[in-house]
Amino acid sequence: MLSSIEILKKYWNFPSFRVNQEEIINAVLEQKDTLALLPTGGGKSICYQVPALIKDGVCIVVSPLISLMKDQVENIKKKKIKAVAITSELNYRELDIALTNCIFGNYKFLYLSPERLQNELVLNKISEMNINLIAVDEAHCISEWGHDFRPSYRNISEIRNIFPNTPILALTATATPIVSKDIQENLQFKIKNLIQSSFTRKNLSYLVIKEQDKKNKLINILNKVKGSAIVYVKSRKDSEEISKILTDNKISSNYYHAGIKISERNRRQDSWKKSDTRVIVATNAFGMGIDKPDVRLVIHYHIPSTIESYFQETGRAGRDEQNAYAVLLYNNTDIKYLRDLVELHFPTIDEIKITYQKLADYFQLAIHNGKDESFDFDLLEFCTKNKINSLKTYNVLKYLEKENYLKLSNIQNNRSRICFTINHTELIRFQSSNKVFTPIIKLLLRSYSGLFDNEININENILAARLKTTENKISESLLRLEKLEVLNYIPKKQGTQILYIQNRVENKYLVLSEEKLLERRNSEIQRMNFILNYSGQKTNCRTKILLSYFGEEQQEACGKCDVCRNNNKLLDRK
């Protein structure tokens, strides 16, 4: 059996572990439940991948993002290690095969979302596996007092019940002492065990600038500090506008947000990672799982809503340990926007009940119906039809999600599927009287097998290239064939869906706690006040303030932030 360092060298070609990685790995190998609190870019994935490769069996990795799971599986497969991600793109048969492979196929890693742990098939199959480790990524999502609470994370206790003696490794880059305690309690740690790396980034300079003319200031900063950069903005519209301003000023730039097709997002992300594009202007949809070492500059064009997100996003700068800068630009408009945002985040109980009723009317969903059903949902259309504020409505839906009534999710099914609904003989008969469809039918039969038995994933782009036509023309032909009842066609799609976790109930039976709502509101106000105080103060070292939020004390000032530099100038004058 190989040792931890031998595994590291064999699969990653690294000569040694980073700070705390080996301690975390050893704790897992000793069967200890462990919370690993490592800063962004601290190498969290190695902490579960190495011990999982040493031990017999499969490691379950619970992760909130499909894109992140796919990246991890792709990277693991490149090392000739068997891994699979259970995503919404899999049909029932594909799901069954993937899970069965984890029982009998010598797989080492099974990635899935916490929602999947409510699926009976998934739980039954997992119970037959030899699970050597349960890794929980973005573990702060399990805490109500974290900045990104997701009720579905509470489903992780289902695996703990099946495998009470299998260790849990919880991983996060952002957790206050209260959240750290909450994570360990919710994951039912046998003994509290926190391993925490210092959040200090000695190569990172934090600068906060109050500026009315932020556009010109942004251009000046980007012209002054060379190298790869991320500019974070609060909205999709801002990302497009700011990117255009930068391009007009001859700064290589592109924008990124969740409203762009996933294939185009991947293209823009790859262009930036390769440094073909210098600046990516993005909403907070960008960055999870990105490990570009040479980012010299992360600029926040608006005040972020929480210190956690600010710290995580600034942590994407300077991972190569060379000097880098985290710049926050703000003005009085930003302060007002942030204060107003808190009010919109916390609708009243009456507003929540009214929206819940309107949602049922919108889906024509009867009382005592809807459990486990998904509905396509257009937030803008819903709000326009009901003449209600879209941001407040979104936060009503997120509140109902926290209370486990429904789940709001972005669907990014980037693979279409087809299956013939007639047999081979009937298809030949159809072709003879509908010759216009012969080229597409022949192409499908040449390109894919099993089309008469199961739904098969297809790629319209590849089919279009082979027929020397367009992707739209391929889709149109398939839709026409579906209308003629020759095949079933499920096009790839990108949009929003609402999944009802419970049956719809009458409003009077909707259990909502005004006390809990007030607690959450006060918690958010505290987080908001912390980042406003951080931005506005000019006397204390910014690094020390940030570290104090996460329960870490630093005796010495960093000497690199704007406050330290100004204080040093004052000392020099005396």
Protein backbone atom coordinates (compact mmCIF):
# COMPACT_ATOMS: atom_id res chain seq x y z
CA MET A 1 0.00 0.00 0.00
CA LEU A 2 1.32 3.45 -0.98
CA SER A 3 1.75 6.17 1.66
CA SER A 4 0.10 9.60 1.44
CA ILE A 5 3.22 11.29 0.06
CA GLU A 6 3.72 8.49 -2.47
CA ILE A 7 0.11 8.92 -3.67
CA LEU A 8 0.67 12.69 -3.94
CA LYS A 9 3.82 12.23 -6.03
CA LYS A 10 2.35 9.47 -8.20
CA TYR A 11 -0.91 11.20 -9.20
CA TRP A 12 -0.17 14.92 -8.74
CA ASN A 13 3.59 15.03 -9.17
CA PHE A 14 3.86 17.36 -6.14
CA PRO A 15 6.99 16.96 -3.95
CA SER A 16 5.21 17.83 -0.68
CA PHE A 17 1.88 18.74 0.89
CA ARG A 18 0.69 22.28 1.56
CA VAL A 19 0.13 23.54 5.09
CA ASN A 20 -2.35 21.35 7.03
CA GLN A 21 -3.11 18.98 4.14
CA GLU A 22 -1.16 16.06 5.63
CA GLU A 23 -2.67 16.64 9.10
CA ILE A 24 -6.19 16.52 7.59
CA ILE A 25 -5.38 13.38 5.57
CA ASN A 26 -3.95 11.62 8.64
CA ALA A 27 -7.07 12.50 10.67
CA VAL A 28 -9.27 10.92 7.97
CA LEU A 29 -7.05 7.81 7.85
CA GLU A 30 -7.49 7.55 11.63
CA GLN A 31 -11.28 7.46 11.06
CA LYS A 32 -11.82 10.89 12.66
CA ASP A 33 -14.67 13.17 11.59
CA THR A 34 -12.89 16.36 10.48
CA LEU A 35 -13.79 19.91 9.49
CA ALA A 36 -11.07 21.36 7.24
CA LEU A 37 -11.18 25.12 7.09
CA LEU A 38 -8.79 26.09 4.31
CA PRO A 39 -8.60 29.39 2.43
CA THR A 40 -9.62 29.62 -1.24
CA GLY A 41 -6.93 27.90 -3.30
CA GLY A 42 -5.69 25.95 -0.29
CA GLY A 43 -5.97 22.55 -2.01
CA LYS A 44 -9.12 21.16 -0.41
CA SER A 45 -9.78 18.40 -2.97
CA ILE A 46 -6.44 16.67 -2.29
CA CYS A 47 -7.49 16.32 1.37
CA TYR A 48 -10.19 13.78 0.45
CA GLN A 49 -8.74 12.39 -2.78
CA VAL A 50 -5.48 11.13 -1.23
CA PRO A 51 -7.01 9.15 1.70
CA ALA A 52 -9.76 7.80 -0.59
CA LEU A 53 -7.07 6.39 -2.90
CA ILE A 54 -5.26 4.77 0.04
CA LYS A 55 -8.39 3.09 1.45
CA ASP A 56 -10.49 0.34 -0.15
CA GLY A 57 -13.87 1.41 -1.44
CA VAL A 58 -15.62 4.47 -2.80
CA CYS A 59 -15.49 8.07 -1.59
CA ILE A 60 -18.80 9.97 -1.80
CA VAL A 61 -18.29 13.66 -2.54
CA VAL A 62 -21.28 15.92 -1.90
CA SER A 63 -20.97 19.10 -3.96
CA PRO A 64 -23.50 21.87 -4.73
CA LEU A 65 -22.46 22.67 -8.30
CA ILE A 66 -22.76 20.47 -11.39
CA SER A 67 -19.99 22.39 -13.19
CA LEU A 68 -17.63 21.88 -10.25
CA MET A 69 -18.42 18.15 -10.08
CA LYS A 70 -17.79 17.76 -13.81
CA ASP A 71 -14.44 19.56 -13.57
CA GLN A 72 -13.35 17.38 -10.65
CA VAL A 73 -14.38 14.14 -12.40
CA GLU A 74 -12.63 15.20 -15.60
CA ASN A 75 -9.41 15.98 -13.70
CA ILE A 76 -9.54 12.66 -11.79
CA LYS A 77 -10.16 10.66 -14.96
CA LYS A 78 -7.05 12.22 -16.53
CA LYS A 79 -5.09 10.51 -13.75
CA LYS A 80 -6.59 7.13 -14.81
CA ILE A 81 -8.78 7.00 -11.69
CA LYS A 82 -12.41 5.89 -12.03
CA ALA A 83 -14.93 8.56 -11.01
CA VAL A 84 -18.52 9.47 -11.86
CA ALA A 85 -20.79 12.46 -11.26
CA ILE A 86 -24.52 11.92 -10.70
CA THR A 87 -26.14 14.96 -12.36
CA SER A 88 -29.64 15.91 -13.54
CA GLU A 89 -28.56 15.08 -17.10
CA LEU A 90 -28.70 11.33 -16.39
CA ASN A 91 -31.93 9.48 -17.14
CA TYR A 92 -33.13 6.68 -14.83
CA ARG A 93 -31.27 3.93 -16.71
CA GLU A 94 -28.01 5.94 -16.85
CA LEU A 95 -28.35 6.71 -13.14
CA ASP A 96 -28.89 3.04 -12.33
CA ILE A 97 -25.84 1.99 -14.40
CA ALA A 98 -23.60 4.68 -12.85
CA LEU A 99 -24.54 3.65 -9.30
CA THR A 100 -24.18 -0.06 -10.07
CA ASN A 101 -20.70 0.63 -11.46
CA CYS A 102 -19.78 2.14 -8.08
CA ILE A 103 -20.81 -1.14 -6.42
CA PHE A 104 -19.01 -3.51 -8.77
CA GLY A 105 -16.81 -1.46 -11.11
CA ASN A 106 -13.82 -0.50 -8.96
CA TYR A 107 -14.81 3.18 -8.94
CA LYS A 108 -13.10 5.43 -6.39
CA PHE A 109 -15.20 8.62 -6.43
CA LEU A 110 -18.94 9.23 -6.60
CA TYR A 111 -19.88 12.92 -6.90
CA LEU A 112 -23.46 13.97 -6.27
CA SER A 113 -25.55 16.92 -5.16
CA PRO A 114 -27.21 16.93 -1.71
CA GLU A 115 -30.66 16.84 -3.42
CA ARG A 116 -29.82 13.39 -4.79
CA LEU A 117 -29.79 12.04 -1.25
CA GLN A 118 -33.59 12.28 -1.23
CA ASN A 119 -33.79 9.80 -4.11
CA GLU A 120 -34.74 6.28 -3.04
CA LEU A 121 -32.74 4.58 -5.82
CA VAL A 122 -29.61 6.57 -4.91
CA LEU A 123 -29.86 5.71 -1.21
CA ASN A 124 -30.56 2.03 -1.89
CA LYS A 125 -27.58 1.72 -4.22
CA ILE A 126 -25.29 3.64 -1.85
CA SER A 127 -26.22 1.24 0.95
CA GLU A 128 -24.71 -1.59 -1.16
CA MET A 129 -21.40 0.23 -1.70
CA ASN A 130 -18.20 0.02 0.31
CA ILE A 131 -17.99 3.69 1.31
CA ASN A 132 -14.58 4.65 2.70
CA LEU A 133 -15.14 8.40 3.18
CA ILE A 134 -17.93 10.99 2.98
CA ALA A 135 -16.52 14.32 1.76
CA VAL A 136 -18.76 17.39 2.03
CA ASP A 137 -17.59 20.29 -0.14
CA GLU A 138 -18.76 23.87 0.57
CA ALA A 139 -19.80 22.58 4.01
CA HIS A 140 -20.87 26.06 5.22
CA CYS A 141 -24.07 25.49 3.15
CA ILE A 142 -25.35 23.22 5.95
CA SER A 143 -25.47 26.05 8.49
CA GLU A 144 -28.45 28.38 8.80
CA TRP A 145 -26.01 31.04 9.98
CA GLY A 146 -23.71 30.67 6.98
CA HIS A 147 -23.88 33.06 4.04
CA ASP A 148 -25.21 30.39 1.64
CA PHE A 149 -27.53 28.10 3.62
CA ARG A 150 -29.04 25.25 1.57
CA PRO A 151 -31.60 23.04 3.37
CA SER A 152 -30.77 20.14 1.03
CA TYR A 153 -27.40 19.82 2.81
CA ARG A 154 -29.30 18.47 5.81
CA ASN A 155 -29.95 15.34 3.67
CA ILE A 156 -26.32 14.32 4.23
CA SER A 157 -27.37 12.80 7.55
CA GLU A 158 -29.08 10.10 5.45
CA ILE A 159 -25.66 8.68 4.47
CA ARG A 160 -24.39 9.07 8.00
CA ASN A 161 -27.28 6.89 9.18
CA ILE A 162 -26.35 4.19 6.64
CA PHE A 163 -22.61 4.35 7.41
CA PRO A 164 -22.28 5.48 11.05
CA ASN A 165 -18.63 4.36 11.27
CA THR A 166 -17.43 5.99 8.03
CA PRO A 167 -15.58 9.27 8.66
CA ILE A 168 -16.89 12.58 7.35
CA LEU A 169 -14.55 15.23 5.99
CA ALA A 170 -16.27 18.63 5.73
CA LEU A 171 -14.46 21.27 3.69
CA THR A 172 -15.01 25.00 3.36
CA ALA A 173 -13.08 28.20 2.73
CA THR A 174 -15.49 30.49 4.59
CA ALA A 175 -16.80 29.78 8.08
CA THR A 176 -17.00 31.89 11.19
CA PRO A 177 -16.56 30.17 14.59
CA ILE A 178 -20.37 29.94 14.94
CA VAL A 179 -20.73 28.35 11.50
CA SER A 180 -17.83 25.94 12.18
CA LYS A 181 -19.62 24.73 15.33
CA ASP A 182 -22.91 24.43 13.45
CA ILE A 183 -21.33 22.36 10.64
CA GLN A 184 -19.94 19.80 13.08
CA GLU A 185 -23.24 19.51 14.96
CA ASN A 186 -25.36 19.12 11.82
CA LEU A 187 -23.02 16.49 10.37
CA GLN A 188 -23.20 14.59 13.68
CA PHE A 189 -19.45 14.58 14.39
CA LYS A 190 -18.67 12.01 17.08
CA ILE A 191 -15.94 14.27 18.47
CA LYS A 192 -15.39 17.92 17.49
CA ASN A 193 -12.34 18.17 15.25
CA LEU A 194 -11.46 21.41 13.44
CA ILE A 195 -8.23 21.79 11.45
CA GLN A 196 -7.83 25.36 10.31
CA SER A 197 -5.19 27.01 8.17
CA SER A 198 -4.36 30.67 8.59
CA PHE A 199 -6.37 32.91 6.30
CA THR A 200 -3.39 35.26 5.97
CA ARG A 201 -2.40 35.99 2.37
CA LYS A 202 0.96 37.73 2.72
CA ASN A 203 1.25 38.45 -1.00
CA LEU A 204 -2.19 40.06 -1.26
CA SER A 205 -2.71 43.82 -0.79
CA TYR A 206 -6.24 44.93 0.15
CA LEU A 207 -7.18 48.39 -1.11
CA VAL A 208 -10.51 50.19 -0.61
CA ILE A 209 -11.24 53.34 -2.63
CA LYS A 210 -14.29 55.57 -2.27
CA GLU A 211 -14.80 57.03 -5.73
CA GLN A 212 -17.73 58.69 -7.53
CA ASP A 213 -16.21 58.23 -11.00
CA LYS A 214 -15.64 54.50 -10.72
CA LYS A 215 -15.44 53.84 -14.45
CA ASN A 216 -12.38 56.02 -15.00
CA LYS A 217 -10.81 54.77 -11.77
CA LEU A 218 -11.27 51.18 -12.97
CA ILE A 219 -9.57 51.94 -16.28
CA ASN A 220 -6.67 53.68 -14.49
CA ILE A 221 -6.15 50.73 -12.14
CA LEU A 222 -6.17 48.20 -14.98
CA ASN A 223 -3.69 50.30 -16.96
CA LYS A 224 -1.44 50.62 -13.92
CA VAL A 225 -1.49 46.99 -12.71
CA LYS A 226 -0.69 44.62 -15.56
CA GLY A 227 -1.71 40.98 -15.80
CA SER A 228 -4.82 38.84 -15.59
CA ALA A 229 -7.79 40.35 -13.73
CA ILE A 230 -11.34 39.70 -12.52
CA VAL A 231 -13.84 42.53 -12.06
CA TYR A 232 -16.86 41.53 -9.94
CA VAL A 233 -20.11 43.48 -10.45
CA LYS A 234 -23.59 43.19 -8.93
CA SER A 235 -25.71 42.49 -12.04
CA ARG A 236 -25.67 40.95 -15.50
CA LYS A 237 -26.35 44.37 -17.05
CA ASP A 238 -23.34 45.85 -15.23
CA SER A 239 -21.08 43.03 -16.46
CA GLU A 240 -22.00 43.74 -20.09
CA GLU A 241 -21.72 47.54 -19.75
CA ILE A 242 -18.38 47.53 -17.89
CA SER A 243 -16.86 44.99 -20.29
CA LYS A 244 -17.83 47.21 -23.25
CA ILE A 245 -16.26 50.26 -21.57
CA LEU A 246 -13.00 48.34 -21.05
CA THR A 247 -12.99 47.05 -24.63
CA ASP A 248 -13.64 50.60 -25.93
CA ASN A 249 -10.57 51.66 -23.92
CA LYS A 250 -8.42 48.96 -25.57
CA ILE A 251 -8.38 46.67 -22.52
CA SER A 252 -8.92 43.04 -23.54
CA SER A 253 -12.17 42.05 -21.82
CA ASN A 254 -15.27 39.86 -21.86
CA TYR A 255 -18.28 39.46 -19.57
CA TYR A 256 -19.65 36.40 -17.77
CA HIS A 257 -22.97 35.72 -16.04
CA ALA A 258 -25.51 32.92 -15.57
CA GLY A 259 -27.71 34.23 -18.40
CA ILE A 260 -25.17 33.22 -21.07
CA LYS A 261 -25.40 29.77 -22.68
CA ILE A 262 -23.17 27.33 -20.83
CA SER A 263 -21.12 26.49 -23.95
CA GLU A 264 -20.37 30.19 -24.45
CA ARG A 265 -19.58 30.65 -20.75
CA ASN A 266 -17.09 27.78 -20.98
CA ARG A 267 -15.51 29.35 -24.07
CA ARG A 268 -15.09 32.73 -22.35
CA GLN A 269 -13.76 31.11 -19.19
CA ASP A 270 -11.21 29.08 -21.18
CA SER A 271 -10.12 32.17 -23.11
CA TRP A 272 -9.49 33.99 -19.83
CA LYS A 273 -7.72 30.99 -18.24
CA LYS A 274 -5.37 30.84 -21.24
CA SER A 275 -4.81 34.63 -20.91
CA ASP A 276 -6.18 35.23 -24.43
CA THR A 277 -8.68 37.50 -22.65
CA ARG A 278 -7.08 39.66 -19.97
CA VAL A 279 -10.10 40.80 -17.92
CA ILE A 280 -13.30 38.90 -17.13
CA VAL A 281 -16.13 41.14 -15.86
CA ALA A 282 -18.49 38.89 -13.95
CA THR A 283 -21.29 38.43 -11.48
CA ASN A 284 -20.69 36.04 -8.58
CA ALA A 285 -21.63 33.19 -10.98
CA PHE A 286 -17.95 33.20 -11.98
CA GLY A 287 -15.07 31.70 -10.06
CA MET A 288 -16.14 28.51 -8.27
CA GLY A 289 -13.53 25.86 -8.99
CA ILE A 290 -11.33 28.27 -10.96
CA ASP A 291 -7.66 27.75 -10.16
CA LYS A 292 -5.78 30.24 -12.34
CA PRO A 293 -2.55 30.94 -10.45
CA ASP A 294 -1.45 34.20 -12.09
CA VAL A 295 -4.42 36.49 -11.39
CA ARG A 296 -2.79 39.79 -10.43
CA LEU A 297 -5.91 41.77 -9.67
CA VAL A 298 -9.43 41.17 -8.31
CA ILE A 299 -11.58 44.30 -8.35
CA HIS A 300 -14.99 44.59 -6.72
CA TYR A 301 -16.86 47.32 -8.60
CA HIS A 302 -19.60 47.33 -5.93
CA ILE A 303 -19.61 46.46 -2.23
CA PRO A 304 -20.30 42.69 -1.91
CA SER A 305 -23.23 41.65 0.28
CA THR A 306 -21.07 39.60 2.69
CA ILE A 307 -17.50 39.39 3.95
CA GLU A 308 -17.55 35.66 3.14
CA SER A 309 -18.15 36.19 -0.58
CA TYR A 310 -15.70 39.11 -0.65
CA PHE A 311 -12.97 37.04 0.99
CA GLN A 312 -13.61 34.04 -1.26
CA GLU A 313 -13.55 36.16 -4.42
CA THR A 314 -10.44 38.16 -3.49
CA GLY A 315 -8.76 34.83 -2.71
CA ARG A 316 -8.68 34.09 -6.46
CA ALA A 317 -5.82 36.59 -6.83
CA GLY A 318 -2.15 35.69 -6.42
CA ARG A 319 -2.35 31.93 -6.00
CA ASP A 320 1.14 31.72 -7.47
CA GLU A 321 2.25 33.52 -4.28
CA GLN A 322 3.46 36.54 -6.28
CA ASN A 323 2.24 40.03 -5.38
CA ALA A 324 -1.42 40.64 -6.19
CA TYR A 325 -4.10 43.22 -5.40
CA ALA A 326 -7.70 43.10 -4.13
CA VAL A 327 -9.37 46.45 -4.83
CA LEU A 328 -12.84 47.46 -3.64
CA LEU A 329 -14.39 50.51 -5.35
CA TYR A 330 -17.49 52.01 -3.77
CA ASN A 331 -19.53 55.19 -3.36
CA ASN A 332 -22.63 56.34 -1.46
CA THR A 333 -24.95 54.80 -4.06
CA ASP A 334 -23.46 51.37 -3.27
CA ILE A 335 -24.09 51.83 0.45
CA LYS A 336 -27.76 52.71 -0.15
CA TYR A 337 -28.16 49.79 -2.57
CA LEU A 338 -26.78 47.35 0.01
CA ARG A 339 -29.09 48.63 2.76
CA ASP A 340 -32.12 48.42 0.44
CA LEU A 341 -31.07 44.91 -0.57
CA VAL A 342 -31.42 43.62 3.00
CA GLU A 343 -35.02 44.86 3.08
CA LEU A 344 -35.79 43.08 -0.20
CA HIS A 345 -34.10 39.91 1.12
CA PHE A 346 -36.62 39.63 3.95
CA PRO A 347 -40.25 39.82 2.85
CA THR A 348 -43.02 39.63 5.45
CA ILE A 349 -44.85 36.40 6.32
CA ASP A 350 -47.95 37.74 4.49
CA GLU A 351 -45.92 38.45 1.35
CA ILE A 352 -44.50 34.91 1.45
CA LYS A 353 -47.97 33.37 1.76
CA ILE A 354 -49.39 35.51 -1.06
CA THR A 355 -46.52 34.56 -3.39
CA TYR A 356 -46.89 30.87 -2.49
CA GLN A 357 -50.56 31.07 -3.52
CA LYS A 358 -49.76 32.96 -6.74
CA LEU A 359 -47.16 30.32 -7.60
CA ALA A 360 -49.74 27.53 -7.24
CA ASP A 361 -52.13 29.51 -9.47
CA TYR A 362 -49.34 30.03 -12.03
CA PHE A 363 -48.65 26.27 -12.22
CA GLN A 364 -52.36 25.40 -11.82
CA LEU A 365 -51.35 23.18 -8.93
CA ALA A 366 -54.11 21.80 -6.72
CA ILE A 367 -53.87 21.39 -2.94
CA HIS A 368 -52.24 18.10 -1.81
CA ASN A 369 -50.47 17.77 -5.18
CA GLY A 370 -47.03 18.58 -6.59
CA LYS A 371 -44.55 16.65 -4.43
CA ASP A 372 -41.40 15.76 -6.43
CA GLU A 373 -42.80 17.55 -9.51
CA SER A 374 -40.67 20.07 -11.43
CA PHE A 375 -42.08 23.07 -13.28
CA ASP A 376 -40.37 25.35 -15.81
CA PHE A 377 -40.37 28.83 -14.33
CA ASP A 378 -39.83 32.29 -15.81
CA LEU A 379 -39.35 34.71 -12.92
CA LEU A 380 -39.73 37.84 -15.06
CA GLU A 381 -42.94 36.59 -16.69
CA PHE A 382 -44.35 35.53 -13.30
CA CYS A 383 -43.59 38.92 -11.71
CA THR A 384 -44.89 40.90 -14.70
CA LYS A 385 -48.12 38.90 -14.72
CA ASN A 386 -48.63 39.40 -10.96
CA LYS A 387 -47.25 42.99 -10.87
CA ILE A 388 -44.75 42.21 -8.10
CA ASN A 389 -41.07 43.04 -7.48
CA SER A 390 -38.78 40.41 -9.04
CA LEU A 391 -36.00 40.63 -6.45
CA LYS A 392 -38.41 40.38 -3.52
CA THR A 393 -40.16 37.45 -5.23
CA TYR A 394 -36.82 35.69 -5.75
CA ASN A 395 -36.12 36.05 -2.04
CA VAL A 396 -39.58 34.70 -1.16
CA LEU A 397 -38.72 31.62 -3.23
CA LYS A 398 -35.33 31.30 -1.51
CA TYR A 399 -37.07 31.53 1.88
CA LEU A 400 -39.55 28.80 0.89
CA GLU A 401 -36.51 26.79 -0.19
CA LYS A 402 -34.91 27.26 3.24
CA GLU A 403 -38.13 25.99 4.81
CA ASN A 404 -37.97 22.91 2.55
CA TYR A 405 -41.22 23.58 0.64
CA LEU A 406 -39.62 23.86 -2.80
CA LYS A 407 -36.31 24.16 -4.61
CA LEU A 408 -35.38 26.80 -7.15
CA SER A 409 -32.70 25.61 -9.54
CA ASN A 410 -31.00 26.58 -12.78
CA ILE A 411 -31.25 23.78 -15.32
CA GLN A 412 -28.29 23.47 -17.63
CA ASN A 413 -29.00 20.29 -19.55
CA ASN A 414 -26.41 20.65 -22.31
CA ARG A 415 -27.11 17.26 -23.89
CA SER A 416 -30.18 16.55 -26.00
CA ARG A 417 -31.76 13.08 -26.14
CA ILE A 418 -33.76 11.10 -28.67
CA CYS A 419 -35.41 7.67 -28.88
CA PHE A 420 -37.37 6.20 -31.80
CA THR A 421 -40.99 5.44 -30.85
CA ILE A 422 -41.57 3.13 -33.85
CA ASN A 423 -39.72 -0.09 -34.67
CA HIS A 424 -37.19 -0.58 -37.47
CA THR A 425 -39.75 -1.94 -39.97
CA GLU A 426 -42.13 0.96 -39.36
CA LEU A 427 -39.24 3.41 -39.74
CA ILE A 428 -38.35 1.99 -43.18
CA ARG A 429 -42.02 2.31 -44.20
CA PHE A 430 -42.06 5.94 -42.92
CA GLN A 431 -38.90 6.81 -44.87
CA SER A 432 -40.27 5.46 -48.13
CA SER A 433 -43.21 7.87 -47.99
CA ASN A 434 -41.33 10.81 -46.35
CA LYS A 435 -38.06 10.96 -48.28
CA VAL A 436 -37.31 14.51 -47.08
CA PHE A 437 -36.36 12.98 -43.69
CA THR A 438 -34.11 10.24 -45.11
CA PRO A 439 -30.79 12.14 -44.67
CA ILE A 440 -31.39 12.95 -40.97
CA ILE A 441 -32.74 9.46 -40.17
CA LYS A 442 -29.80 7.74 -41.87
CA LEU A 443 -27.37 10.05 -40.09
CA LEU A 444 -28.92 9.27 -36.69
CA LEU A 445 -28.73 5.51 -37.32
CA ARG A 446 -25.09 5.79 -38.47
CA SER A 447 -24.07 8.03 -35.56
CA TYR A 448 -25.77 6.35 -32.59
CA SER A 449 -26.72 2.83 -31.51
CA GLY A 450 -29.58 1.77 -29.23
CA LEU A 451 -32.00 4.41 -30.55
CA PHE A 452 -34.91 1.95 -30.58
CA ASP A 453 -34.35 0.85 -26.97
CA ASN A 454 -33.38 3.89 -24.86
CA GLU A 455 -33.09 7.66 -24.84
CA ILE A 456 -29.64 8.37 -26.30
CA ASN A 457 -27.63 11.56 -25.83
CA ILE A 458 -27.01 13.37 -29.11
CA ASN A 459 -25.08 16.44 -30.22
CA GLU A 460 -26.91 18.64 -32.76
CA ASN A 461 -23.72 20.56 -33.52
CA ILE A 462 -21.86 17.40 -34.63
CA LEU A 463 -24.90 16.21 -36.64
CA ALA A 464 -25.10 19.61 -38.34
CA ALA A 465 -21.43 19.46 -39.35
CA ARG A 466 -21.89 15.96 -40.84
CA LEU A 467 -24.95 17.05 -42.85
CA LYS A 468 -23.36 20.42 -43.74
CA THR A 469 -26.27 22.34 -42.30
CA THR A 470 -27.01 24.39 -39.16
CA GLU A 471 -27.75 23.27 -35.60
CA ASN A 472 -31.18 25.00 -35.79
CA LYS A 473 -32.10 23.03 -38.94
CA ILE A 474 -31.22 19.75 -37.17
CA SER A 475 -33.40 20.72 -34.18
CA GLU A 476 -36.27 21.71 -36.48
CA SER A 477 -36.11 18.32 -38.27
CA LEU A 478 -36.13 16.43 -34.97
CA LEU A 479 -39.09 18.44 -33.68
CA ARG A 480 -41.00 17.69 -36.89
CA LEU A 481 -40.21 13.97 -36.50
CA GLU A 482 -41.51 14.16 -32.94
CA LYS A 483 -44.79 15.73 -34.11
CA LEU A 484 -45.11 12.88 -36.60
CA GLU A 485 -44.65 10.47 -33.64
CA VAL A 486 -41.51 8.92 -35.14
CA LEU A 487 -39.29 9.71 -32.16
CA ASN A 488 -39.15 11.45 -28.80
CA TYR A 489 -36.86 14.48 -28.79
CA ILE A 490 -35.77 16.15 -25.55
CA PRO A 491 -33.78 19.24 -26.56
CA LYS A 492 -30.99 20.58 -24.42
CA LYS A 493 -32.15 23.55 -22.44
CA GLN A 494 -31.08 26.20 -20.04
CA GLY A 495 -33.51 27.83 -17.68
CA THR A 496 -35.05 27.84 -14.24
CA GLN A 497 -37.19 25.16 -12.64
CA ILE A 498 -39.10 24.91 -9.38
CA LEU A 499 -39.22 21.51 -7.71
CA TYR A 500 -41.92 21.02 -5.05
CA ILE A 501 -40.33 19.14 -2.16
CA GLN A 502 -43.68 18.86 -0.38
CA ASN A 503 -47.25 18.73 -1.68
CA ARG A 504 -48.85 22.13 -2.04
CA VAL A 505 -50.76 23.05 1.12
CA GLU A 506 -53.42 25.61 1.92
CA ASN A 507 -51.89 28.91 3.00
CA LYS A 508 -53.25 28.54 6.53
CA TYR A 509 -51.19 25.34 6.89
CA LEU A 510 -48.00 26.95 5.64
CA VAL A 511 -45.68 26.77 8.66
CA LEU A 512 -43.51 29.88 8.72
CA SER A 513 -41.67 31.17 11.77
CA GLU A 514 -41.68 34.95 12.16
CA GLU A 515 -39.07 34.56 14.92
CA LYS A 516 -36.72 32.61 12.65
CA LEU A 517 -37.23 35.14 9.84
CA LEU A 518 -36.28 37.95 12.24
CA GLU A 519 -33.18 36.05 13.41
CA ARG A 520 -32.03 35.57 9.82
CA ARG A 521 -32.70 39.22 9.04
CA ASN A 522 -30.66 40.37 12.05
CA SER A 523 -27.86 38.00 11.07
CA GLU A 524 -27.75 39.48 7.56
CA ILE A 525 -27.81 43.03 8.91
CA GLN A 526 -24.80 42.18 11.11
CA ARG A 527 -22.90 40.84 8.09
CA MET A 528 -23.84 43.91 6.06
CA ASN A 529 -22.70 46.28 8.83
CA PHE A 530 -19.39 44.44 9.09
CA ILE A 531 -18.55 44.92 5.42
CA LEU A 532 -19.76 48.54 5.47
CA ASN A 533 -17.56 49.24 8.51
CA TYR A 534 -14.66 47.44 6.82
CA SER A 535 -15.08 49.60 3.70
CA GLY A 536 -15.54 52.93 5.46
CA GLN A 537 -12.86 52.75 8.18
CA LYS A 538 -9.36 54.17 7.56
CA THR A 539 -7.54 53.44 10.83
CA ASN A 540 -7.14 49.65 11.23
CA CYS A 541 -5.23 47.15 9.11
CA ARG A 542 -7.65 45.59 6.62
CA THR A 543 -6.09 42.13 6.84
CA LYS A 544 -6.48 42.12 10.64
CA ILE A 545 -10.17 43.08 10.31
CA LEU A 546 -10.84 40.31 7.78
CA LEU A 547 -9.06 37.69 9.85
CA SER A 548 -10.93 38.72 13.01
CA TYR A 549 -14.23 37.98 11.28
CA PHE A 550 -13.14 34.35 10.83
CA GLY A 551 -11.93 34.08 14.42
CA GLU A 552 -8.22 34.50 13.69
CA GLU A 553 -6.04 37.03 15.49
CA GLN A 554 -3.03 38.61 13.81
CA GLN A 555 -0.74 40.60 16.07
CA GLU A 556 1.18 42.48 13.39
CA ALA A 557 -0.36 44.78 10.79
CA CYS A 558 0.08 43.52 7.21
CA GLY A 559 2.00 46.61 6.03
CA LYS A 560 0.53 46.20 2.53
CA CYS A 561 -3.10 47.39 2.63
CA ASP A 562 -4.08 50.99 1.89
CA VAL A 563 -4.56 51.76 5.61
CA CYS A 564 -1.12 50.42 6.59
CA ARG A 565 0.52 52.30 3.73
CA ASN A 566 -1.12 55.57 4.77
CA ASN A 567 -0.18 54.98 8.42
CA ASN A 568 3.42 54.32 7.36
CA LYS A 569 3.46 57.59 5.40
CA LEU A 570 2.23 59.46 8.48
CA LEU A 571 4.96 57.86 10.60
CA ASP A 572 7.59 58.81 8.03
CA ARG A 573 6.52 62.48 8.23
CA LYS A 574 7.00 62.64 12.01
